[in-house]
Amino acid sequence: MDRPPARTAREMKERVRAVLLTENNTMLAIRRNRPGIPVYWVLPGGGVEPSDESRETALH
C-alpha cells in the first residue's frame, strides 16, 4: 500500500517575547481568552522583521 507524501511543516516565523518588571517586582503578562481554548497567559511580544536587531525587536 502506497502512503501519501509526507506533509511539509508550515514555515516558522521568528518571534520575540520580553519579561517586563517594575521597580515593585510586578511583571506584565497578557491574558488570552479565545473561544474553545482555556484561558492562558503570555508575555508581551511579536514578530521579528528581517532588518531588526534583537534589542530593537524587543522594543517594538
C-alpha atoms as a PDB file:
ATOM      1  CA  MET A   1       0.000   0.000   0.000  1.00  0.00           C
ATOM      2  CA  ASP A   2       1.432   3.379  -1.048  1.00  0.00           C
ATOM      3  CA  ARG A   3       1.455   6.171   1.513  1.00  0.00           C
ATOM      4  CA  PRO A   4       0.692   9.773   0.606  1.00  0.00           C
ATOM      5  CA  PRO A   5       3.734  12.085   0.604  1.00  0.00           C
ATOM      6  CA  ALA A   6       4.688  13.498   3.992  1.00  0.00           C
ATOM      7  CA  ARG A   7       3.332  16.933   4.722  1.00  0.00           C
ATOM      8  CA  THR A   8       5.849  19.705   4.979  1.00  0.00           C
ATOM      9  CA  ALA A   9       5.920  21.785   8.157  1.00  0.00           C
ATOM     10  CA  ARG A  10       4.475  25.261   7.958  1.00  0.00           C
ATOM     11  CA  GLU A  11       7.049  27.977   7.608  1.00  0.00           C
ATOM     12  CA  MET A  12       8.313  29.039  11.020  1.00  0.00           C
ATOM     13  CA  LYS A  13       8.034  32.719  11.927  1.00  0.00           C
ATOM     14  CA  GLU A  14      10.641  34.265  14.167  1.00  0.00           C
ATOM     15  CA  ARG A  15       9.078  35.780  17.289  1.00  0.00           C
ATOM     16  CA  VAL A  16      10.318  37.549  20.392  1.00  0.00           C
ATOM     17  CA  ARG A  17       8.994  37.758  23.957  1.00  0.00           C
ATOM     18  CA  ALA A  18      10.001  40.128  26.757  1.00  0.00           C
ATOM     19  CA  VAL A  19       9.883  39.935  30.545  1.00  0.00           C
ATOM     20  CA  LEU A  20       8.946  43.375  31.836  1.00  0.00           C
ATOM     21  CA  LEU A  21       9.425  44.001  35.562  1.00  0.00           C
ATOM     22  CA  THR A  22       8.549  47.129  37.532  1.00  0.00           C
ATOM     23  CA  GLU A  23      10.503  48.538  40.450  1.00  0.00           C
ATOM     24  CA  ASN A  24       7.834  46.891  42.681  1.00  0.00           C
ATOM     25  CA  ASN A  25       8.714  43.460  41.224  1.00  0.00           C
ATOM     26  CA  THR A  26       5.485  43.051  39.292  1.00  0.00           C
ATOM     27  CA  MET A  27       5.529  41.504  35.834  1.00  0.00           C
ATOM     28  CA  LEU A  28       3.456  42.369  32.769  1.00  0.00           C
ATOM     29  CA  ALA A  29       1.551  39.414  31.292  1.00  0.00           C
ATOM     30  CA  ILE A  30      -1.291  39.285  28.783  1.00  0.00           C
ATOM     31  CA  ARG A  31      -4.388  37.198  29.473  1.00  0.00           C
ATOM     32  CA  ARG A  32      -5.635  35.382  26.368  1.00  0.00           C
ATOM     33  CA  ASN A  33      -9.285  34.399  26.199  1.00  0.00           C
ATOM     34  CA  ARG A  34     -10.110  32.611  22.955  1.00  0.00           C
ATOM     35  CA  PRO A  35     -13.209  30.563  22.103  1.00  0.00           C
ATOM     36  CA  GLY A  36     -12.770  26.831  22.643  1.00  0.00           C
ATOM     37  CA  ILE A  37      -9.427  27.197  24.471  1.00  0.00           C
ATOM     38  CA  PRO A  38      -8.910  27.520  28.226  1.00  0.00           C
ATOM     39  CA  VAL A  39      -7.756  30.979  29.367  1.00  0.00           C
ATOM     40  CA  TYR A  40      -3.951  31.309  29.305  1.00  0.00           C
ATOM     41  CA  TRP A  41      -1.281  33.955  29.919  1.00  0.00           C
ATOM     42  CA  VAL A  42       1.572  35.064  27.638  1.00  0.00           C
ATOM     43  CA  LEU A  43       4.437  37.513  27.821  1.00  0.00           C
ATOM     44  CA  PRO A  44       4.259  40.597  25.564  1.00  0.00           C
ATOM     45  CA  GLY A  45       5.927  40.066  22.217  1.00  0.00           C
ATOM     46  CA  GLY A  46       5.526  39.888  18.489  1.00  0.00           C
ATOM     47  CA  GLY A  47       7.097  39.191  15.132  1.00  0.00           C
ATOM     48  CA  VAL A  48      10.662  39.912  14.079  1.00  0.00           C
ATOM     49  CA  GLU A  49      11.374  41.948  10.951  1.00  0.00           C
ATOM     50  CA  PRO A  50      14.358  40.788   8.842  1.00  0.00           C
ATOM     51  CA  SER A  51      16.190  44.076   9.436  1.00  0.00           C
ATOM     52  CA  ASP A  52      15.660  44.166  13.241  1.00  0.00           C
ATOM     53  CA  GLU A  53      18.450  43.811  15.762  1.00  0.00           C
ATOM     54  CA  SER A  54      17.478  41.677  18.783  1.00  0.00           C
ATOM     55  CA  ARG A  55      17.217  44.624  21.217  1.00  0.00           C
ATOM     56  CA  GLU A  56      15.332  46.690  18.645  1.00  0.00           C
ATOM     57  CA  THR A  57      12.827  43.866  18.140  1.00  0.00           C
ATOM     58  CA  ALA A  58      12.037  43.678  21.856  1.00  0.00           C
ATOM     59  CA  LEU A  59      11.348  47.424  21.919  1.00  0.00           C
ATOM     60  CA  HIS A  60       8.708  47.226  19.169  1.00  0.00           C
END
